[in-house]
Amino acid sequence: MIEETATVIDCVDSQARVEVQRRSTCQSCNAKSGCGTAVFSKTLGKKVSQFTVENSLDLSVGDKVLVGMHENAFLTGSVIVYLLPLITMMLFALLGEWSAVLLYGYSSEAHTIVFATIGFIVGLRVISIFSLRIKNDTRYQPIAIRKLNI
């Protein structure tokens, strides 16, 4: 289970809205003084993520809570969001290249680009459908593990 400390910012019925401070990996990197990513991270400042968890721990506003998400859900979501559009884009680009050779007798870069763009859009649409399907699936929802005394 992937765990993170969060702060409760709102409680409504059986739901608690929590806020998590996003952390950069730059603090643990030896090259942070000469790295463009570290400079970029400092420039943008600290970012926060907000989401809702089931209030099974009798949480109230201001409480610190340990929230978690199953690794499988995190990995599946990451693969779908990051890799699927790239894979569909490349497959459609290959299909475009192949179809251009069949239609015109030669390779057409414009044809390949159009097909790659269509493939990318198809990948984004699949992400949208996947998101709707898992919206209420408890395996993909973060959970409140325990209240922290900080």
N, C-alpha and C. Protein backbone atom coordinates (compact mmCIF):
# COMPACT_ATOMS: atom_id res chain seq x y z
N MET A 1 0.84 -1.17 0.00
CA MET A 1 0.00 0.00 0.00
C MET A 1 0.89 1.24 0.00
N ILE A 2 0.57 2.19 -0.86
CA ILE A 2 1.28 3.46 -0.92
C ILE A 2 0.61 4.40 0.07
N GLU A 3 1.40 4.95 0.99
CA GLU A 3 0.83 5.77 2.06
C GLU A 3 1.37 7.19 2.02
N GLU A 4 0.55 8.12 2.47
CA GLU A 4 0.92 9.53 2.51
C GLU A 4 0.15 10.21 3.63
N THR A 5 0.77 11.21 4.24
CA THR A 5 0.11 11.98 5.28
C THR A 5 -0.71 13.09 4.65
N ALA A 6 -1.94 13.25 5.14
CA ALA A 6 -2.85 14.27 4.59
C ALA A 6 -3.48 15.05 5.72
N THR A 7 -4.02 16.22 5.38
CA THR A 7 -4.73 17.07 6.33
C THR A 7 -6.19 17.15 5.91
N VAL A 8 -7.09 16.95 6.85
CA VAL A 8 -8.52 17.04 6.57
C VAL A 8 -8.90 18.51 6.43
N ILE A 9 -9.52 18.85 5.30
CA ILE A 9 -9.91 20.25 5.08
C ILE A 9 -11.42 20.46 5.10
N ASP A 10 -12.19 19.34 5.01
CA ASP A 10 -13.63 19.46 5.04
C ASP A 10 -14.25 18.10 5.32
N CYS A 11 -15.36 18.09 6.05
CA CYS A 11 -16.09 16.86 6.33
C CYS A 11 -17.56 17.08 6.01
N VAL A 12 -18.09 16.22 5.16
CA VAL A 12 -19.50 16.27 4.80
C VAL A 12 -20.05 14.86 4.84
N ASP A 13 -21.06 14.64 5.69
CA ASP A 13 -21.68 13.33 5.86
C ASP A 13 -20.62 12.28 6.18
N SER A 14 -20.51 11.26 5.35
CA SER A 14 -19.55 10.18 5.61
C SER A 14 -18.28 10.34 4.79
N GLN A 15 -18.06 11.53 4.24
CA GLN A 15 -16.90 11.79 3.41
C GLN A 15 -16.01 12.85 4.05
N ALA A 16 -14.72 12.71 3.86
CA ALA A 16 -13.75 13.72 4.33
C ALA A 16 -12.91 14.16 3.15
N ARG A 17 -12.80 15.45 2.95
CA ARG A 17 -11.94 16.00 1.89
C ARG A 17 -10.58 16.24 2.51
N VAL A 18 -9.54 15.65 1.90
CA VAL A 18 -8.19 15.76 2.45
C VAL A 18 -7.27 16.42 1.43
N GLU A 19 -6.19 16.97 1.95
CA GLU A 19 -5.21 17.66 1.13
C GLU A 19 -3.83 17.07 1.41
N VAL A 20 -3.13 16.74 0.34
CA VAL A 20 -1.79 16.15 0.45
C VAL A 20 -0.80 17.09 -0.22
N GLN A 21 0.29 17.37 0.48
CA GLN A 21 1.36 18.19 -0.09
C GLN A 21 2.19 17.32 -1.02
N ARG A 22 2.26 17.70 -2.29
CA ARG A 22 3.07 16.94 -3.25
C ARG A 22 4.54 17.19 -2.95
N ARG A 23 5.28 16.10 -2.97
CA ARG A 23 6.71 16.19 -2.71
C ARG A 23 7.49 15.89 -3.96
N SER A 24 8.56 16.62 -4.13
CA SER A 24 9.47 16.38 -5.23
C SER A 24 10.55 15.42 -4.75
N THR A 25 11.10 14.63 -5.65
CA THR A 25 12.20 13.74 -5.26
C THR A 25 13.52 14.48 -5.21
N CYS A 26 13.49 15.78 -5.51
CA CYS A 26 14.72 16.57 -5.57
C CYS A 26 15.46 16.63 -4.22
N GLN A 27 14.72 16.54 -3.11
CA GLN A 27 15.37 16.64 -1.80
C GLN A 27 16.35 15.49 -1.56
N SER A 28 16.12 14.36 -2.19
CA SER A 28 16.99 13.21 -1.96
C SER A 28 18.03 13.01 -3.06
N CYS A 29 18.10 13.93 -4.00
CA CYS A 29 19.00 13.78 -5.14
C CYS A 29 20.28 14.59 -4.91
N ASN A 30 21.42 14.02 -5.25
CA ASN A 30 22.71 14.70 -5.07
C ASN A 30 22.95 15.79 -6.11
N ALA A 31 22.27 15.73 -7.24
CA ALA A 31 22.51 16.67 -8.33
C ALA A 31 21.56 17.86 -8.30
N LYS A 32 20.83 18.05 -7.19
CA LYS A 32 19.79 19.07 -7.20
C LYS A 32 20.31 20.49 -7.39
N SER A 33 21.56 20.77 -7.03
CA SER A 33 22.07 22.13 -7.17
C SER A 33 22.28 22.51 -8.63
N GLY A 34 22.54 21.55 -9.49
CA GLY A 34 22.79 21.87 -10.89
C GLY A 34 21.73 21.32 -11.82
N CYS A 35 20.57 21.02 -11.29
CA CYS A 35 19.53 20.36 -12.08
C CYS A 35 18.43 21.35 -12.45
N GLY A 36 18.01 21.31 -13.69
CA GLY A 36 16.94 22.18 -14.15
C GLY A 36 15.60 21.82 -13.54
N THR A 37 15.38 20.54 -13.28
CA THR A 37 14.12 20.11 -12.68
C THR A 37 13.96 20.68 -11.28
N ALA A 38 15.05 20.71 -10.50
CA ALA A 38 15.00 21.27 -9.15
C ALA A 38 14.68 22.76 -9.19
N VAL A 39 15.27 23.48 -10.12
CA VAL A 39 15.00 24.90 -10.26
C VAL A 39 13.55 25.12 -10.66
N PHE A 40 13.08 24.32 -11.60
CA PHE A 40 11.70 24.40 -12.05
C PHE A 40 10.74 24.12 -10.90
N SER A 41 11.04 23.12 -10.07
CA SER A 41 10.22 22.76 -8.92
C SER A 41 10.15 23.90 -7.91
N LYS A 42 11.29 24.55 -7.66
CA LYS A 42 11.32 25.67 -6.72
C LYS A 42 10.53 26.86 -7.26
N THR A 43 10.61 27.08 -8.56
CA THR A 43 9.92 28.21 -9.18
C THR A 43 8.40 28.05 -9.08
N LEU A 44 7.91 26.85 -9.30
CA LEU A 44 6.47 26.62 -9.25
C LEU A 44 5.93 26.59 -7.84
N GLY A 45 6.80 26.38 -6.87
CA GLY A 45 6.35 26.34 -5.48
C GLY A 45 5.72 25.00 -5.13
N LYS A 46 5.21 24.93 -3.94
CA LYS A 46 4.63 23.70 -3.44
C LYS A 46 3.22 23.53 -4.00
N LYS A 47 2.92 22.34 -4.44
CA LYS A 47 1.61 22.02 -4.99
C LYS A 47 0.90 21.07 -4.03
N VAL A 48 -0.41 21.14 -4.03
CA VAL A 48 -1.21 20.26 -3.20
C VAL A 48 -2.21 19.50 -4.06
N SER A 49 -2.58 18.33 -3.60
CA SER A 49 -3.63 17.54 -4.24
C SER A 49 -4.75 17.36 -3.23
N GLN A 50 -5.98 17.48 -3.69
CA GLN A 50 -7.13 17.27 -2.82
C GLN A 50 -7.97 16.13 -3.37
N PHE A 51 -8.49 15.31 -2.47
CA PHE A 51 -9.37 14.23 -2.86
C PHE A 51 -10.23 13.84 -1.68
N THR A 52 -11.21 12.99 -1.93
CA THR A 52 -12.18 12.60 -0.91
C THR A 52 -11.92 11.16 -0.48
N VAL A 53 -12.02 10.93 0.83
CA VAL A 53 -11.92 9.58 1.38
C VAL A 53 -13.15 9.33 2.26
N GLU A 54 -13.43 8.07 2.48
CA GLU A 54 -14.52 7.69 3.38
C GLU A 54 -14.13 8.06 4.81
N ASN A 55 -15.01 8.75 5.52
CA ASN A 55 -14.72 9.19 6.89
C ASN A 55 -15.10 8.11 7.89
N SER A 56 -14.34 7.03 7.89
CA SER A 56 -14.61 5.91 8.79
C SER A 56 -13.88 6.06 10.12
N LEU A 57 -13.04 7.09 10.25
CA LEU A 57 -12.23 7.28 11.47
C LEU A 57 -12.71 8.45 12.32
N ASP A 58 -13.91 8.95 12.06
CA ASP A 58 -14.46 10.10 12.78
C ASP A 58 -13.50 11.29 12.70
N LEU A 59 -13.14 11.64 11.49
CA LEU A 59 -12.20 12.74 11.25
C LEU A 59 -12.91 14.08 11.36
N SER A 60 -12.14 15.10 11.74
CA SER A 60 -12.67 16.47 11.75
C SER A 60 -11.65 17.38 11.08
N VAL A 61 -12.10 18.57 10.72
CA VAL A 61 -11.25 19.51 10.00
C VAL A 61 -9.98 19.79 10.80
N GLY A 62 -8.84 19.72 10.12
CA GLY A 62 -7.54 19.97 10.75
C GLY A 62 -6.81 18.72 11.18
N ASP A 63 -7.50 17.60 11.25
CA ASP A 63 -6.86 16.34 11.64
C ASP A 63 -5.84 15.91 10.60
N LYS A 64 -4.76 15.31 11.07
CA LYS A 64 -3.78 14.67 10.19
C LYS A 64 -4.16 13.20 10.10
N VAL A 65 -4.12 12.68 8.88
CA VAL A 65 -4.54 11.30 8.67
C VAL A 65 -3.59 10.64 7.68
N LEU A 66 -3.36 9.37 7.87
CA LEU A 66 -2.56 8.58 6.95
C LEU A 66 -3.51 7.99 5.91
N VAL A 67 -3.33 8.35 4.66
CA VAL A 67 -4.16 7.83 3.58
C VAL A 67 -3.33 6.88 2.74
N GLY A 68 -3.99 5.93 2.11
CA GLY A 68 -3.26 4.96 1.32
C GLY A 68 -4.03 4.54 0.08
N MET A 69 -3.28 3.98 -0.84
CA MET A 69 -3.86 3.44 -2.08
C MET A 69 -3.10 2.17 -2.41
N HIS A 70 -3.83 1.18 -2.90
CA HIS A 70 -3.20 -0.08 -3.25
C HIS A 70 -2.23 0.10 -4.42
N GLU A 71 -1.08 -0.58 -4.34
CA GLU A 71 -0.07 -0.45 -5.39
C GLU A 71 -0.59 -0.87 -6.76
N ASN A 72 -1.38 -1.94 -6.80
CA ASN A 72 -1.89 -2.42 -8.08
C ASN A 72 -2.76 -1.38 -8.77
N ALA A 73 -3.59 -0.69 -7.99
CA ALA A 73 -4.44 0.35 -8.56
C ALA A 73 -3.58 1.49 -9.08
N PHE A 74 -2.56 1.86 -8.33
CA PHE A 74 -1.67 2.94 -8.73
C PHE A 74 -0.92 2.58 -10.01
N LEU A 75 -0.38 1.37 -10.06
CA LEU A 75 0.36 0.94 -11.25
C LEU A 75 -0.54 0.81 -12.47
N THR A 76 -1.72 0.22 -12.29
CA THR A 76 -2.66 0.08 -13.40
C THR A 76 -3.05 1.45 -13.95
N GLY A 77 -3.39 2.37 -13.05
CA GLY A 77 -3.75 3.72 -13.47
C GLY A 77 -2.60 4.42 -14.18
N SER A 78 -1.40 4.25 -13.68
CA SER A 78 -0.23 4.88 -14.30
C SER A 78 0.01 4.35 -15.70
N VAL A 79 -0.09 3.04 -15.86
CA VAL A 79 0.12 2.44 -17.18
C VAL A 79 -0.95 2.94 -18.16
N ILE A 80 -2.19 2.96 -17.71
CA ILE A 80 -3.28 3.41 -18.58
C ILE A 80 -3.07 4.86 -18.98
N VAL A 81 -2.77 5.72 -18.02
CA VAL A 81 -2.66 7.16 -18.30
C VAL A 81 -1.42 7.52 -19.11
N TYR A 82 -0.28 6.90 -18.80
CA TYR A 82 0.97 7.30 -19.45
C TYR A 82 1.31 6.48 -20.69
N LEU A 83 1.14 5.18 -20.63
CA LEU A 83 1.59 4.33 -21.74
C LEU A 83 0.55 4.12 -22.82
N LEU A 84 -0.71 4.01 -22.46
CA LEU A 84 -1.72 3.69 -23.46
C LEU A 84 -1.77 4.70 -24.61
N PRO A 85 -1.79 6.02 -24.35
CA PRO A 85 -1.80 6.95 -25.49
C PRO A 85 -0.56 6.82 -26.39
N LEU A 86 0.59 6.54 -25.77
CA LEU A 86 1.80 6.37 -26.57
C LEU A 86 1.73 5.11 -27.43
N ILE A 87 1.23 4.04 -26.84
CA ILE A 87 1.13 2.77 -27.57
C ILE A 87 0.14 2.90 -28.72
N THR A 88 -1.04 3.47 -28.43
CA THR A 88 -2.02 3.61 -29.51
C THR A 88 -1.51 4.56 -30.59
N MET A 89 -0.79 5.60 -30.20
CA MET A 89 -0.24 6.53 -31.18
C MET A 89 0.76 5.82 -32.09
N MET A 90 1.65 5.02 -31.49
CA MET A 90 2.64 4.31 -32.31
C MET A 90 2.00 3.26 -33.20
N LEU A 91 1.02 2.53 -32.67
CA LEU A 91 0.34 1.52 -33.49
C LEU A 91 -0.40 2.16 -34.66
N PHE A 92 -1.07 3.26 -34.41
CA PHE A 92 -1.78 3.95 -35.49
C PHE A 92 -0.79 4.57 -36.48
N ALA A 93 0.36 5.04 -36.01
CA ALA A 93 1.38 5.57 -36.93
C ALA A 93 1.87 4.46 -37.85
N LEU A 94 2.11 3.27 -37.30
CA LEU A 94 2.51 2.13 -38.13
C LEU A 94 1.41 1.76 -39.12
N LEU A 95 0.17 1.79 -38.66
CA LEU A 95 -0.97 1.52 -39.54
C LEU A 95 -1.05 2.57 -40.65
N GLY A 96 -0.80 3.82 -40.31
CA GLY A 96 -0.80 4.89 -41.30
C GLY A 96 0.30 4.72 -42.32
N GLU A 97 1.47 4.34 -41.85
CA GLU A 97 2.61 4.10 -42.75
C GLU A 97 2.29 2.95 -43.71
N TRP A 98 1.79 1.88 -43.16
CA TRP A 98 1.44 0.70 -43.95
C TRP A 98 0.35 1.03 -44.97
N SER A 99 -0.70 1.76 -44.52
CA SER A 99 -1.80 2.08 -45.44
C SER A 99 -1.35 3.06 -46.52
N ALA A 100 -0.43 3.96 -46.21
CA ALA A 100 0.08 4.89 -47.22
C ALA A 100 0.82 4.13 -48.32
N VAL A 101 1.62 3.15 -47.92
CA VAL A 101 2.35 2.35 -48.92
C VAL A 101 1.37 1.57 -49.79
N LEU A 102 0.31 1.03 -49.15
CA LEU A 102 -0.70 0.30 -49.93
C LEU A 102 -1.47 1.22 -50.87
N LEU A 103 -1.84 2.42 -50.41
CA LEU A 103 -2.65 3.33 -51.21
C LEU A 103 -1.86 4.06 -52.30
N TYR A 104 -0.69 4.59 -51.90
CA TYR A 104 0.06 5.45 -52.81
C TYR A 104 1.29 4.77 -53.43
N GLY A 105 1.69 3.66 -52.85
CA GLY A 105 2.87 2.98 -53.35
C GLY A 105 4.16 3.52 -52.75
N TYR A 106 4.07 4.50 -51.88
CA TYR A 106 5.25 5.05 -51.20
C TYR A 106 4.84 5.53 -49.81
N SER A 107 5.84 5.73 -48.99
CA SER A 107 5.63 6.20 -47.62
C SER A 107 5.22 7.67 -47.62
N SER A 108 4.24 8.02 -46.80
CA SER A 108 3.78 9.40 -46.71
C SER A 108 3.84 9.86 -45.25
N GLU A 109 4.71 10.82 -45.01
CA GLU A 109 4.87 11.32 -43.64
C GLU A 109 3.58 11.97 -43.12
N ALA A 110 2.91 12.72 -43.97
CA ALA A 110 1.66 13.37 -43.57
C ALA A 110 0.61 12.34 -43.18
N HIS A 111 0.51 11.28 -43.95
CA HIS A 111 -0.43 10.20 -43.68
C HIS A 111 -0.12 9.57 -42.31
N THR A 112 1.14 9.33 -42.06
CA THR A 112 1.56 8.74 -40.79
C THR A 112 1.25 9.66 -39.63
N ILE A 113 1.49 10.96 -39.79
CA ILE A 113 1.22 11.92 -38.72
C ILE A 113 -0.28 11.99 -38.41
N VAL A 114 -1.10 11.99 -39.44
CA VAL A 114 -2.56 12.02 -39.23
C VAL A 114 -3.01 10.78 -38.47
N PHE A 115 -2.53 9.62 -38.88
CA PHE A 115 -2.89 8.38 -38.19
C PHE A 115 -2.37 8.37 -36.75
N ALA A 116 -1.16 8.87 -36.52
CA ALA A 116 -0.60 8.93 -35.16
C ALA A 116 -1.47 9.83 -34.28
N THR A 117 -1.91 10.94 -34.81
CA THR A 117 -2.76 11.85 -34.05
C THR A 117 -4.09 11.18 -33.71
N ILE A 118 -4.66 10.48 -34.68
CA ILE A 118 -5.90 9.74 -34.43
C ILE A 118 -5.67 8.69 -33.34
N GLY A 119 -4.54 7.99 -33.40
CA GLY A 119 -4.22 6.99 -32.38
C GLY A 119 -4.08 7.59 -31.00
N PHE A 120 -3.47 8.76 -30.91
CA PHE A 120 -3.34 9.44 -29.63
C PHE A 120 -4.71 9.81 -29.07
N ILE A 121 -5.58 10.31 -29.93
CA ILE A 121 -6.94 10.67 -29.51
C ILE A 121 -7.71 9.43 -29.07
N VAL A 122 -7.54 8.32 -29.78
CA VAL A 122 -8.18 7.07 -29.38
C VAL A 122 -7.68 6.65 -27.99
N GLY A 123 -6.38 6.77 -27.74
CA GLY A 123 -5.82 6.45 -26.42
C GLY A 123 -6.42 7.31 -25.32
N LEU A 124 -6.59 8.61 -25.60
CA LEU A 124 -7.20 9.51 -24.61
C LEU A 124 -8.66 9.12 -24.36
N ARG A 125 -9.35 8.71 -25.39
CA ARG A 125 -10.75 8.29 -25.24
C ARG A 125 -10.84 7.03 -24.39
N VAL A 126 -9.92 6.10 -24.58
CA VAL A 126 -9.90 4.88 -23.77
C VAL A 126 -9.65 5.24 -22.30
N ILE A 127 -8.78 6.21 -22.04
CA ILE A 127 -8.55 6.67 -20.67
C ILE A 127 -9.84 7.22 -20.08
N SER A 128 -10.57 7.98 -20.85
CA SER A 128 -11.84 8.54 -20.40
C SER A 128 -12.83 7.44 -20.04
N ILE A 129 -12.94 6.44 -20.89
CA ILE A 129 -13.84 5.31 -20.62
C ILE A 129 -13.38 4.55 -19.39
N PHE A 130 -12.07 4.31 -19.27
CA PHE A 130 -11.52 3.62 -18.11
C PHE A 130 -11.83 4.39 -16.83
N SER A 131 -11.69 5.72 -16.86
CA SER A 131 -11.97 6.55 -15.69
C SER A 131 -13.42 6.44 -15.26
N LEU A 132 -14.32 6.44 -16.22
CA LEU A 132 -15.74 6.31 -15.90
C LEU A 132 -16.05 4.94 -15.30
N ARG A 133 -15.38 3.91 -15.79
CA ARG A 133 -15.63 2.56 -15.29
C ARG A 133 -15.12 2.35 -13.86
N ILE A 134 -14.01 2.99 -13.50
CA ILE A 134 -13.43 2.78 -12.17
C ILE A 134 -13.85 3.85 -11.16
N LYS A 135 -14.65 4.79 -11.60
CA LYS A 135 -15.04 5.93 -10.76
C LYS A 135 -15.56 5.50 -9.38
N ASN A 136 -16.36 4.47 -9.33
CA ASN A 136 -16.94 4.02 -8.07
C ASN A 136 -16.38 2.68 -7.60
N ASP A 137 -15.29 2.25 -8.21
CA ASP A 137 -14.64 0.99 -7.83
C ASP A 137 -13.76 1.25 -6.61
N THR A 138 -14.06 0.60 -5.49
CA THR A 138 -13.33 0.85 -4.24
C THR A 138 -11.86 0.45 -4.33
N ARG A 139 -11.49 -0.42 -5.25
CA ARG A 139 -10.09 -0.80 -5.40
C ARG A 139 -9.22 0.36 -5.86
N TYR A 140 -9.83 1.33 -6.52
CA TYR A 140 -9.09 2.48 -7.06
C TYR A 140 -9.27 3.75 -6.23
N GLN A 141 -9.91 3.64 -5.08
CA GLN A 141 -10.15 4.80 -4.23
C GLN A 141 -9.14 4.84 -3.08
N PRO A 142 -8.63 6.03 -2.77
CA PRO A 142 -7.76 6.13 -1.59
C PRO A 142 -8.59 5.92 -0.32
N ILE A 143 -7.94 5.40 0.70
CA ILE A 143 -8.64 5.14 1.96
C ILE A 143 -7.89 5.81 3.12
N ALA A 144 -8.66 6.17 4.15
CA ALA A 144 -8.06 6.69 5.38
C ALA A 144 -7.65 5.49 6.23
N ILE A 145 -6.36 5.42 6.55
CA ILE A 145 -5.85 4.24 7.28
C ILE A 145 -5.94 4.47 8.78
N ARG A 146 -5.41 5.60 9.24
CA ARG A 146 -5.47 5.92 10.67
C ARG A 146 -5.25 7.40 10.90
N LYS A 147 -5.79 7.87 12.02
CA LYS A 147 -5.62 9.25 12.42
C LYS A 147 -4.25 9.39 13.08
N LEU A 148 -3.55 10.46 12.75
CA LEU A 148 -2.20 10.68 13.29
C LEU A 148 -2.24 11.73 14.39
N ASN A 149 -1.40 11.55 15.40
CA ASN A 149 -1.28 12.52 16.49
C ASN A 149 -0.06 13.38 16.25
N ILE A 150 -0.19 14.37 15.39
CA ILE A 150 0.95 15.24 15.07
C ILE A 150 0.68 16.61 15.62
